[in-house]
Amino acid sequence: MQKARLKISSTDIDKLNEICSSIIDIAKKSKVKIYGPIPFPTQKLKLTTRKAPDGEGKASFDNFEMRIHKRVIDLGVDEKALRLVMRVQIPEKVNLSIEIIE
């Protein structure tokens, strides 16, 4: 049986959950088997920089962090459902990739 695997990633968790819920609604309306959304571990990118630009003075640091949230959804292959999923409005900060697996 073929499945469509949707990989969704974003730095904004609220927008990611909105996209996941809209895809789940589409799958329920078209009566397609759905597995997920399966949450993956959050990837944390950390950057530490020194506040003083010239290296003199107090050694104080700034810490910056960016979190990347990921979800995977498996859908049973149905042409109508996939077309509806491709029409979903995706915000700029959300990445969505679709691949067909067997």
PDB file of N, CA and C in Angstrom:
ATOM      1  N   MET A   1       0.838  -1.188   0.000  1.00  0.00           N
ATOM      2  CA  MET A   1       0.000   0.000   0.000  1.00  0.00           C
ATOM      3  C   MET A   1       0.881   1.248   0.000  1.00  0.00           C
ATOM      4  N   GLN A   2       0.564   2.187  -0.847  1.00  0.00           N
ATOM      5  CA  GLN A   2       1.330   3.419  -0.923  1.00  0.00           C
ATOM      6  C   GLN A   2       0.824   4.428   0.099  1.00  0.00           C
ATOM      7  N   LYS A   3       1.772   5.228   0.585  1.00  0.00           N
ATOM      8  CA  LYS A   3       1.438   6.293   1.527  1.00  0.00           C
ATOM      9  C   LYS A   3       2.122   7.567   1.086  1.00  0.00           C
ATOM     10  N   ALA A   4       1.534   8.680   1.446  1.00  0.00           N
ATOM     11  CA  ALA A   4       2.171   9.984   1.250  1.00  0.00           C
ATOM     12  C   ALA A   4       2.684  10.434   2.609  1.00  0.00           C
ATOM     13  N   ARG A   5       3.969  10.711   2.676  1.00  0.00           N
ATOM     14  CA  ARG A   5       4.564  11.165   3.936  1.00  0.00           C
ATOM     15  C   ARG A   5       4.760  12.675   3.866  1.00  0.00           C
ATOM     16  N   LEU A   6       4.133  13.364   4.819  1.00  0.00           N
ATOM     17  CA  LEU A   6       4.231  14.818   4.909  1.00  0.00           C
ATOM     18  C   LEU A   6       5.179  15.166   6.047  1.00  0.00           C
ATOM     19  N   LYS A   7       6.263  15.854   5.723  1.00  0.00           N
ATOM     20  CA  LYS A   7       7.215  16.295   6.739  1.00  0.00           C
ATOM     21  C   LYS A   7       7.041  17.796   6.905  1.00  0.00           C
ATOM     22  N   ILE A   8       6.708  18.208   8.123  1.00  0.00           N
ATOM     23  CA  ILE A   8       6.419  19.609   8.408  1.00  0.00           C
ATOM     24  C   ILE A   8       7.397  20.086   9.478  1.00  0.00           C
ATOM     25  N   SER A   9       8.040  21.218   9.236  1.00  0.00           N
ATOM     26  CA  SER A   9       8.946  21.788  10.232  1.00  0.00           C
ATOM     27  C   SER A   9       8.752  23.297  10.284  1.00  0.00           C
ATOM     28  N   SER A  10       8.971  23.860  11.475  1.00  0.00           N
ATOM     29  CA  SER A  10       8.788  25.289  11.654  1.00  0.00           C
ATOM     30  C   SER A  10       9.452  25.753  12.941  1.00  0.00           C
ATOM     31  N   THR A  11       9.741  27.050  12.990  1.00  0.00           N
ATOM     32  CA  THR A  11      10.244  27.639  14.233  1.00  0.00           C
ATOM     33  C   THR A  11       9.090  28.156  15.085  1.00  0.00           C
ATOM     34  N   ASP A  12       7.891  28.254  14.500  1.00  0.00           N
ATOM     35  CA  ASP A  12       6.705  28.738  15.207  1.00  0.00           C
ATOM     36  C   ASP A  12       5.764  27.556  15.455  1.00  0.00           C
ATOM     37  N   ILE A  13       5.638  27.130  16.699  1.00  0.00           N
ATOM     38  CA  ILE A  13       4.855  25.944  17.051  1.00  0.00           C
ATOM     39  C   ILE A  13       3.364  26.138  16.792  1.00  0.00           C
ATOM     40  N   ASP A  14       2.853  27.349  16.957  1.00  0.00           N
ATOM     41  CA  ASP A  14       1.425  27.595  16.749  1.00  0.00           C
ATOM     42  C   ASP A  14       1.038  27.414  15.282  1.00  0.00           C
ATOM     43  N   LYS A  15       1.831  27.962  14.375  1.00  0.00           N
ATOM     44  CA  LYS A  15       1.552  27.808  12.951  1.00  0.00           C
ATOM     45  C   LYS A  15       1.699  26.356  12.520  1.00  0.00           C
ATOM     46  N   LEU A  16       2.658  25.650  13.098  1.00  0.00           N
ATOM     47  CA  LEU A  16       2.857  24.238  12.788  1.00  0.00           C
ATOM     48  C   LEU A  16       1.629  23.427  13.192  1.00  0.00           C
ATOM     49  N   ASN A  17       1.095  23.695  14.377  1.00  0.00           N
ATOM     50  CA  ASN A  17      -0.094  22.972  14.843  1.00  0.00           C
ATOM     51  C   ASN A  17      -1.324  23.316  14.015  1.00  0.00           C
ATOM     52  N   GLU A  18      -1.423  24.562  13.532  1.00  0.00           N
ATOM     53  CA  GLU A  18      -2.535  24.941  12.661  1.00  0.00           C
ATOM     54  C   GLU A  18      -2.519  24.138  11.367  1.00  0.00           C
ATOM     55  N   ILE A  19      -1.344  24.022  10.748  1.00  0.00           N
ATOM     56  CA  ILE A  19      -1.208  23.269   9.498  1.00  0.00           C
ATOM     57  C   ILE A  19      -1.546  21.800   9.733  1.00  0.00           C
ATOM     58  N   CYS A  20      -1.055  21.238  10.840  1.00  0.00           N
ATOM     59  CA  CYS A  20      -1.339  19.835  11.157  1.00  0.00           C
ATOM     60  C   CYS A  20      -2.839  19.603  11.326  1.00  0.00           C
ATOM     61  N   SER A  21      -3.515  20.500  12.025  1.00  0.00           N
ATOM     62  CA  SER A  21      -4.949  20.320  12.244  1.00  0.00           C
ATOM     63  C   SER A  21      -5.737  20.471  10.948  1.00  0.00           C
ATOM     64  N   SER A  22      -5.318  21.365  10.051  1.00  0.00           N
ATOM     65  CA  SER A  22      -6.026  21.505   8.772  1.00  0.00           C
ATOM     66  C   SER A  22      -5.826  20.272   7.900  1.00  0.00           C
ATOM     67  N   ILE A  23      -4.638  19.663   7.934  1.00  0.00           N
ATOM     68  CA  ILE A  23      -4.383  18.439   7.169  1.00  0.00           C
ATOM     69  C   ILE A  23      -5.206  17.282   7.735  1.00  0.00           C
ATOM     70  N   ILE A  24      -5.317  17.213   9.053  1.00  0.00           N
ATOM     71  CA  ILE A  24      -6.123  16.157   9.685  1.00  0.00           C
ATOM     72  C   ILE A  24      -7.594  16.318   9.315  1.00  0.00           C
ATOM     73  N   ASP A  25      -8.089  17.565   9.283  1.00  0.00           N
ATOM     74  CA  ASP A  25      -9.479  17.811   8.875  1.00  0.00           C
ATOM     75  C   ASP A  25      -9.725  17.357   7.440  1.00  0.00           C
ATOM     76  N   ILE A  26      -8.796  17.642   6.548  1.00  0.00           N
ATOM     77  CA  ILE A  26      -8.919  17.226   5.147  1.00  0.00           C
ATOM     78  C   ILE A  26      -8.956  15.706   5.056  1.00  0.00           C
ATOM     79  N   ALA A  27      -8.103  15.033   5.825  1.00  0.00           N
ATOM     80  CA  ALA A  27      -8.052  13.569   5.785  1.00  0.00           C
ATOM     81  C   ALA A  27      -9.347  12.955   6.316  1.00  0.00           C
ATOM     82  N   LYS A  28      -9.911  13.550   7.362  1.00  0.00           N
ATOM     83  CA  LYS A  28     -11.161  13.026   7.917  1.00  0.00           C
ATOM     84  C   LYS A  28     -12.325  13.238   6.966  1.00  0.00           C
ATOM     85  N   LYS A  29     -12.358  14.389   6.281  1.00  0.00           N
ATOM     86  CA  LYS A  29     -13.445  14.664   5.339  1.00  0.00           C
ATOM     87  C   LYS A  29     -13.390  13.744   4.121  1.00  0.00           C
ATOM     88  N   SER A  30     -12.165  13.445   3.661  1.00  0.00           N
ATOM     89  CA  SER A  30     -12.027  12.589   2.483  1.00  0.00           C
ATOM     90  C   SER A  30     -11.928  11.101   2.849  1.00  0.00           C
ATOM     91  N   LYS A  31     -12.027  10.794   4.151  1.00  0.00           N
ATOM     92  CA  LYS A  31     -12.023   9.421   4.663  1.00  0.00           C
ATOM     93  C   LYS A  31     -10.786   8.626   4.233  1.00  0.00           C
ATOM     94  N   VAL A  32      -9.634   9.238   4.414  1.00  0.00           N
ATOM     95  CA  VAL A  32      -8.350   8.610   4.108  1.00  0.00           C
ATOM     96  C   VAL A  32      -7.711   8.190   5.419  1.00  0.00           C
ATOM     97  N   LYS A  33      -7.017   7.049   5.413  1.00  0.00           N
ATOM     98  CA  LYS A  33      -6.302   6.627   6.620  1.00  0.00           C
ATOM     99  C   LYS A  33      -5.194   7.615   6.917  1.00  0.00           C
ATOM    100  N   ILE A  34      -5.072   7.951   8.190  1.00  0.00           N
ATOM    101  CA  ILE A  34      -4.061   8.923   8.608  1.00  0.00           C
ATOM    102  C   ILE A  34      -3.307   8.390   9.824  1.00  0.00           C
ATOM    103  N   TYR A  35      -1.990   8.578   9.823  1.00  0.00           N
ATOM    104  CA  TYR A  35      -1.147   8.211  10.947  1.00  0.00           C
ATOM    105  C   TYR A  35      -0.383   9.470  11.354  1.00  0.00           C
ATOM    106  N   GLY A  36      -0.641   9.933  12.561  1.00  0.00           N
ATOM    107  CA  GLY A  36       0.090  11.103  13.014  1.00  0.00           C
ATOM    108  C   GLY A  36      -0.840  12.207  13.449  1.00  0.00           C
ATOM    109  N   PRO A  37      -0.353  13.362  13.711  1.00  0.00           N
ATOM    110  CA  PRO A  37       1.022  13.824  13.532  1.00  0.00           C
ATOM    111  C   PRO A  37       1.970  13.256  14.591  1.00  0.00           C
ATOM    112  N   ILE A  38       3.107  12.797  14.134  1.00  0.00           N
ATOM    113  CA  ILE A  38       4.116  12.213  15.012  1.00  0.00           C
ATOM    114  C   ILE A  38       5.140  13.305  15.329  1.00  0.00           C
ATOM    115  N   PRO A  39       5.255  13.726  16.590  1.00  0.00           N
ATOM    116  CA  PRO A  39       6.220  14.775  16.923  1.00  0.00           C
ATOM    117  C   PRO A  39       7.647  14.230  16.993  1.00  0.00           C
ATOM    118  N   PHE A  40       8.576  14.965  16.421  1.00  0.00           N
ATOM    119  CA  PHE A  40       9.990  14.623  16.509  1.00  0.00           C
ATOM    120  C   PHE A  40      10.618  15.496  17.581  1.00  0.00           C
ATOM    121  N   PRO A  41      11.791  15.117  18.103  1.00  0.00           N
ATOM    122  CA  PRO A  41      12.437  15.962  19.112  1.00  0.00           C
ATOM    123  C   PRO A  41      12.733  17.361  18.572  1.00  0.00           C
ATOM    124  N   THR A  42      12.562  18.351  19.414  1.00  0.00           N
ATOM    125  CA  THR A  42      12.806  19.734  19.029  1.00  0.00           C
ATOM    126  C   THR A  42      14.306  19.969  18.917  1.00  0.00           C
ATOM    127  N   GLN A  43      14.720  20.516  17.780  1.00  0.00           N
ATOM    128  CA  GLN A  43      16.126  20.807  17.557  1.00  0.00           C
ATOM    129  C   GLN A  43      16.401  22.210  18.078  1.00  0.00           C
ATOM    130  N   LYS A  44      17.388  22.344  18.955  1.00  0.00           N
ATOM    131  CA  LYS A  44      17.714  23.635  19.550  1.00  0.00           C
ATOM    132  C   LYS A  44      19.062  24.106  19.008  1.00  0.00           C
ATOM    133  N   LEU A  45      19.039  25.246  18.336  1.00  0.00           N
ATOM    134  CA  LEU A  45      20.264  25.845  17.830  1.00  0.00           C
ATOM    135  C   LEU A  45      20.640  26.992  18.760  1.00  0.00           C
ATOM    136  N   LYS A  46      21.830  26.901  19.389  1.00  0.00           N
ATOM    137  CA  LYS A  46      22.252  27.899  20.365  1.00  0.00           C
ATOM    138  C   LYS A  46      23.459  28.662  19.852  1.00  0.00           C
ATOM    139  N   LEU A  47      23.483  29.975  20.164  1.00  0.00           N
ATOM    140  CA  LEU A  47      24.588  30.838  19.771  1.00  0.00           C
ATOM    141  C   LEU A  47      24.912  31.745  20.947  1.00  0.00           C
ATOM    142  N   THR A  48      26.171  31.753  21.362  1.00  0.00           N
ATOM    143  CA  THR A  48      26.626  32.615  22.450  1.00  0.00           C
ATOM    144  C   THR A  48      27.561  33.657  21.871  1.00  0.00           C
ATOM    145  N   THR A  49      27.287  34.925  22.135  1.00  0.00           N
ATOM    146  CA  THR A  49      28.144  36.006  21.647  1.00  0.00           C
ATOM    147  C   THR A  49      28.555  36.901  22.811  1.00  0.00           C
ATOM    148  N   ARG A  50      29.674  37.542  22.655  1.00  0.00           N
ATOM    149  CA  ARG A  50      30.148  38.465  23.678  1.00  0.00           C
ATOM    150  C   ARG A  50      29.542  39.838  23.435  1.00  0.00           C
ATOM    151  N   LYS A  51      29.100  40.506  24.501  1.00  0.00           N
ATOM    152  CA  LYS A  51      28.448  41.808  24.374  1.00  0.00           C
ATOM    153  C   LYS A  51      29.422  42.897  23.931  1.00  0.00           C
ATOM    154  N   ALA A  52      30.617  42.901  24.485  1.00  0.00           N
ATOM    155  CA  ALA A  52      31.594  43.943  24.158  1.00  0.00           C
ATOM    156  C   ALA A  52      32.207  43.640  22.781  1.00  0.00           C
ATOM    157  N   PRO A  53      32.156  44.590  21.846  1.00  0.00           N
ATOM    158  CA  PRO A  53      32.643  44.318  20.498  1.00  0.00           C
ATOM    159  C   PRO A  53      34.168  44.276  20.372  1.00  0.00           C
ATOM    160  N   ASP A  54      34.899  44.960  21.269  1.00  0.00           N
ATOM    161  CA  ASP A  54      36.349  45.052  21.111  1.00  0.00           C
ATOM    162  C   ASP A  54      37.133  44.104  22.019  1.00  0.00           C
ATOM    163  N   GLY A  55      36.456  43.389  22.918  1.00  0.00           N
ATOM    164  CA  GLY A  55      37.152  42.442  23.780  1.00  0.00           C
ATOM    165  C   GLY A  55      37.625  43.040  25.090  1.00  0.00           C
ATOM    166  N   GLU A  56      37.491  44.353  25.266  1.00  0.00           N
ATOM    167  CA  GLU A  56      37.895  44.982  26.519  1.00  0.00           C
ATOM    168  C   GLU A  56      36.701  45.107  27.445  1.00  0.00           C
ATOM    169  N   GLY A  57      36.957  45.302  28.702  1.00  0.00           N
ATOM    170  CA  GLY A  57      35.881  45.518  29.660  1.00  0.00           C
ATOM    171  C   GLY A  57      35.359  44.211  30.239  1.00  0.00           C
ATOM    172  N   LYS A  58      34.154  44.277  30.730  1.00  0.00           N
ATOM    173  CA  LYS A  58      33.534  43.156  31.422  1.00  0.00           C
ATOM    174  C   LYS A  58      33.231  42.013  30.433  1.00  0.00           C
ATOM    175  N   ALA A  59      33.488  40.803  30.857  1.00  0.00           N
ATOM    176  CA  ALA A  59      33.218  39.638  30.006  1.00  0.00           C
ATOM    177  C   ALA A  59      31.763  39.199  30.214  1.00  0.00           C
ATOM    178  N   SER A  60      30.861  39.856  29.481  1.00  0.00           N
ATOM    179  CA  SER A  60      29.447  39.490  29.582  1.00  0.00           C
ATOM    180  C   SER A  60      28.996  38.941  28.226  1.00  0.00           C
ATOM    181  N   PHE A  61      28.063  37.999  28.273  1.00  0.00           N
ATOM    182  CA  PHE A  61      27.668  37.283  27.067  1.00  0.00           C
ATOM    183  C   PHE A  61      26.163  37.321  26.864  1.00  0.00           C
ATOM    184  N   ASP A  62      25.759  37.245  25.599  1.00  0.00           N
ATOM    185  CA  ASP A  62      24.351  37.080  25.224  1.00  0.00           C
ATOM    186  C   ASP A  62      24.163  35.672  24.701  1.00  0.00           C
ATOM    187  N   ASN A  63      23.058  35.052  25.081  1.00  0.00           N
ATOM    188  CA  ASN A  63      22.731  33.715  24.581  1.00  0.00           C
ATOM    189  C   ASN A  63      21.476  33.788  23.727  1.00  0.00           C
ATOM    190  N   PHE A  64      21.564  33.261  22.518  1.00  0.00           N
ATOM    191  CA  PHE A  64      20.429  33.216  21.610  1.00  0.00           C
ATOM    192  C   PHE A  64      20.101  31.770  21.299  1.00  0.00           C
ATOM    193  N   GLU A  65      18.804  31.490  21.124  1.00  0.00           N
ATOM    194  CA  GLU A  65      18.384  30.112  20.853  1.00  0.00           C
ATOM    195  C   GLU A  65      17.242  30.126  19.839  1.00  0.00           C
ATOM    196  N   MET A  66      17.303  29.216  18.887  1.00  0.00           N
ATOM    197  CA  MET A  66      16.223  29.033  17.934  1.00  0.00           C
ATOM    198  C   MET A  66      15.794  27.573  18.003  1.00  0.00           C
ATOM    199  N   ARG A  67      14.487  27.358  18.122  1.00  0.00           N
ATOM    200  CA  ARG A  67      13.958  25.998  18.221  1.00  0.00           C
ATOM    201  C   ARG A  67      13.243  25.622  16.927  1.00  0.00           C
ATOM    202  N   ILE A  68      13.544  24.441  16.416  1.00  0.00           N
ATOM    203  CA  ILE A  68      12.904  23.941  15.200  1.00  0.00           C
ATOM    204  C   ILE A  68      12.054  22.738  15.592  1.00  0.00           C
ATOM    205  N   HIS A  69      10.741  22.867  15.377  1.00  0.00           N
ATOM    206  CA  HIS A  69       9.784  21.825  15.713  1.00  0.00           C
ATOM    207  C   HIS A  69       9.448  21.033  14.453  1.00  0.00           C
ATOM    208  N   LYS A  70       9.320  19.717  14.567  1.00  0.00           N
ATOM    209  CA  LYS A  70       9.055  18.873  13.400  1.00  0.00           C
ATOM    210  C   LYS A  70       7.912  17.905  13.683  1.00  0.00           C
ATOM    211  N   ARG A  71       7.116  17.637  12.642  1.00  0.00           N
ATOM    212  CA  ARG A  71       6.030  16.664  12.698  1.00  0.00           C
ATOM    213  C   ARG A  71       6.037  15.857  11.407  1.00  0.00           C
ATOM    214  N   VAL A  72       5.586  14.603  11.499  1.00  0.00           N
ATOM    215  CA  VAL A  72       5.431  13.746  10.321  1.00  0.00           C
ATOM    216  C   VAL A  72       4.011  13.204  10.325  1.00  0.00           C
ATOM    217  N   ILE A  73       3.367  13.265   9.158  1.00  0.00           N
ATOM    218  CA  ILE A  73       2.013  12.735   8.989  1.00  0.00           C
ATOM    219  C   ILE A  73       2.038  11.794   7.795  1.00  0.00           C
ATOM    220  N   ASP A  74       1.511  10.575   7.977  1.00  0.00           N
ATOM    221  CA  ASP A  74       1.373   9.617   6.884  1.00  0.00           C
ATOM    222  C   ASP A  74      -0.084   9.553   6.468  1.00  0.00           C
ATOM    223  N   LEU A  75      -0.336   9.731   5.171  1.00  0.00           N
ATOM    224  CA  LEU A  75      -1.685   9.654   4.624  1.00  0.00           C
ATOM    225  C   LEU A  75      -1.750   8.519   3.624  1.00  0.00           C
ATOM    226  N   GLY A  76      -2.884   7.823   3.582  1.00  0.00           N
ATOM    227  CA  GLY A  76      -3.120   6.868   2.508  1.00  0.00           C
ATOM    228  C   GLY A  76      -3.225   7.639   1.207  1.00  0.00           C
ATOM    229  N   VAL A  77      -2.659   7.084   0.117  1.00  0.00           N
ATOM    230  CA  VAL A  77      -2.632   7.826  -1.144  1.00  0.00           C
ATOM    231  C   VAL A  77      -4.032   7.898  -1.740  1.00  0.00           C
ATOM    232  N   ASP A  78      -4.520   9.135  -1.846  1.00  0.00           N
ATOM    233  CA  ASP A  78      -5.793   9.422  -2.492  1.00  0.00           C
ATOM    234  C   ASP A  78      -5.589  10.743  -3.231  1.00  0.00           C
ATOM    235  N   GLU A  79      -5.800  10.717  -4.545  1.00  0.00           N
ATOM    236  CA  GLU A  79      -5.486  11.882  -5.371  1.00  0.00           C
ATOM    237  C   GLU A  79      -6.249  13.130  -4.931  1.00  0.00           C
ATOM    238  N   LYS A  80      -7.509  12.957  -4.595  1.00  0.00           N
ATOM    239  CA  LYS A  80      -8.330  14.096  -4.182  1.00  0.00           C
ATOM    240  C   LYS A  80      -7.808  14.709  -2.873  1.00  0.00           C
ATOM    241  N   ALA A  81      -7.477  13.848  -1.919  1.00  0.00           N
ATOM    242  CA  ALA A  81      -6.974  14.329  -0.626  1.00  0.00           C
ATOM    243  C   ALA A  81      -5.638  15.059  -0.792  1.00  0.00           C
ATOM    244  N   LEU A  82      -4.748  14.523  -1.628  1.00  0.00           N
ATOM    245  CA  LEU A  82      -3.445  15.163  -1.832  1.00  0.00           C
ATOM    246  C   LEU A  82      -3.592  16.526  -2.501  1.00  0.00           C
ATOM    247  N   ARG A  83      -4.531  16.648  -3.421  1.00  0.00           N
ATOM    248  CA  ARG A  83      -4.757  17.945  -4.057  1.00  0.00           C
ATOM    249  C   ARG A  83      -5.269  18.964  -3.038  1.00  0.00           C
ATOM    250  N   LEU A  84      -6.144  18.523  -2.152  1.00  0.00           N
ATOM    251  CA  LEU A  84      -6.639  19.429  -1.113  1.00  0.00           C
ATOM    252  C   LEU A  84      -5.520  19.849  -0.159  1.00  0.00           C
ATOM    253  N   VAL A  85      -4.623  18.901   0.161  1.00  0.00           N
ATOM    254  CA  VAL A  85      -3.497  19.216   1.047  1.00  0.00           C
ATOM    255  C   VAL A  85      -2.574  20.225   0.385  1.00  0.00           C
ATOM    256  N   MET A  86      -2.365  20.086  -0.929  1.00  0.00           N
ATOM    257  CA  MET A  86      -1.470  21.016  -1.630  1.00  0.00           C
ATOM    258  C   MET A  86      -2.068  22.423  -1.732  1.00  0.00           C
ATOM    259  N   ARG A  87      -3.377  22.560  -1.592  1.00  0.00           N
ATOM    260  CA  ARG A  87      -4.021  23.869  -1.654  1.00  0.00           C
ATOM    261  C   ARG A  87      -4.015  24.607  -0.316  1.00  0.00           C
ATOM    262  N   VAL A  88      -3.614  23.953   0.756  1.00  0.00           N
ATOM    263  CA  VAL A  88      -3.592  24.583   2.083  1.00  0.00           C
ATOM    264  C   VAL A  88      -2.598  25.745   2.066  1.00  0.00           C
ATOM    265  N   GLN A  89      -3.028  26.883   2.600  1.00  0.00           N
ATOM    266  CA  GLN A  89      -2.154  28.052   2.687  1.00  0.00           C
ATOM    267  C   GLN A  89      -1.073  27.799   3.739  1.00  0.00           C
ATOM    268  N   ILE A  90       0.192  27.851   3.314  1.00  0.00           N
ATOM    269  CA  ILE A  90       1.306  27.569   4.208  1.00  0.00           C
ATOM    270  C   ILE A  90       2.038  28.876   4.498  1.00  0.00           C
ATOM    271  N   PRO A  91       2.170  29.255   5.779  1.00  0.00           N
ATOM    272  CA  PRO A  91       2.890  30.485   6.136  1.00  0.00           C
ATOM    273  C   PRO A  91       4.375  30.403   5.752  1.00  0.00           C
ATOM    274  N   GLU A  92       5.044  31.550   5.776  1.00  0.00           N
ATOM    275  CA  GLU A  92       6.448  31.616   5.372  1.00  0.00           C
ATOM    276  C   GLU A  92       7.373  30.784   6.259  1.00  0.00           C
ATOM    277  N   LYS A  93       7.112  30.753   7.544  1.00  0.00           N
ATOM    278  CA  LYS A  93       8.023  30.081   8.474  1.00  0.00           C
ATOM    279  C   LYS A  93       7.816  28.574   8.564  1.00  0.00           C
ATOM    280  N   VAL A  94       6.903  28.022   7.769  1.00  0.00           N
ATOM    281  CA  VAL A  94       6.602  26.600   7.817  1.00  0.00           C
ATOM    282  C   VAL A  94       7.116  25.931   6.552  1.00  0.00           C
ATOM    283  N   ASN A  95       7.853  24.825   6.707  1.00  0.00           N
ATOM    284  CA  ASN A  95       8.339  24.037   5.574  1.00  0.00           C
ATOM    285  C   ASN A  95       7.529  22.753   5.499  1.00  0.00           C
ATOM    286  N   LEU A  96       7.056  22.422   4.303  1.00  0.00           N
ATOM    287  CA  LEU A  96       6.253  21.222   4.089  1.00  0.00           C
ATOM    288  C   LEU A  96       6.814  20.470   2.899  1.00  0.00           C
ATOM    289  N   SER A  97       7.151  19.202   3.094  1.00  0.00           N
ATOM    290  CA  SER A  97       7.605  18.378   1.981  1.00  0.00           C
ATOM    291  C   SER A  97       6.717  17.131   1.918  1.00  0.00           C
ATOM    292  N   ILE A  98       6.385  16.727   0.694  1.00  0.00           N
ATOM    293  CA  ILE A  98       5.520  15.575   0.468  1.00  0.00           C
ATOM    294  C   ILE A  98       6.289  14.556  -0.360  1.00  0.00           C
ATOM    295  N   GLU A  99       6.306  13.302   0.103  1.00  0.00           N
ATOM    296  CA  GLU A  99       6.926  12.252  -0.685  1.00  0.00           C
ATOM    297  C   GLU A  99       6.053  11.007  -0.636  1.00  0.00           C
ATOM    298  N   ILE A 100       6.052  10.263  -1.727  1.00  0.00           N
ATOM    299  CA  ILE A 100       5.263   9.035  -1.834  1.00  0.00           C
ATOM    300  C   ILE A 100       6.183   7.873  -1.488  1.00  0.00           C
ATOM    301  N   ILE A 101       5.741   7.038  -0.526  1.00  0.00           N
ATOM    302  CA  ILE A 101       6.528   5.863  -0.126  1.00  0.00           C
ATOM    303  C   ILE A 101       5.663   4.615  -0.251  1.00  0.00           C
ATOM    304  N   GLU A 102       6.300   3.480  -0.348  1.00  0.00           N
ATOM    305  CA  GLU A 102       5.557   2.218  -0.460  1.00  0.00           C
ATOM    306  C   GLU A 102       5.738   1.372   0.765  1.00  0.00           C
TER     307      GLU A 102
END
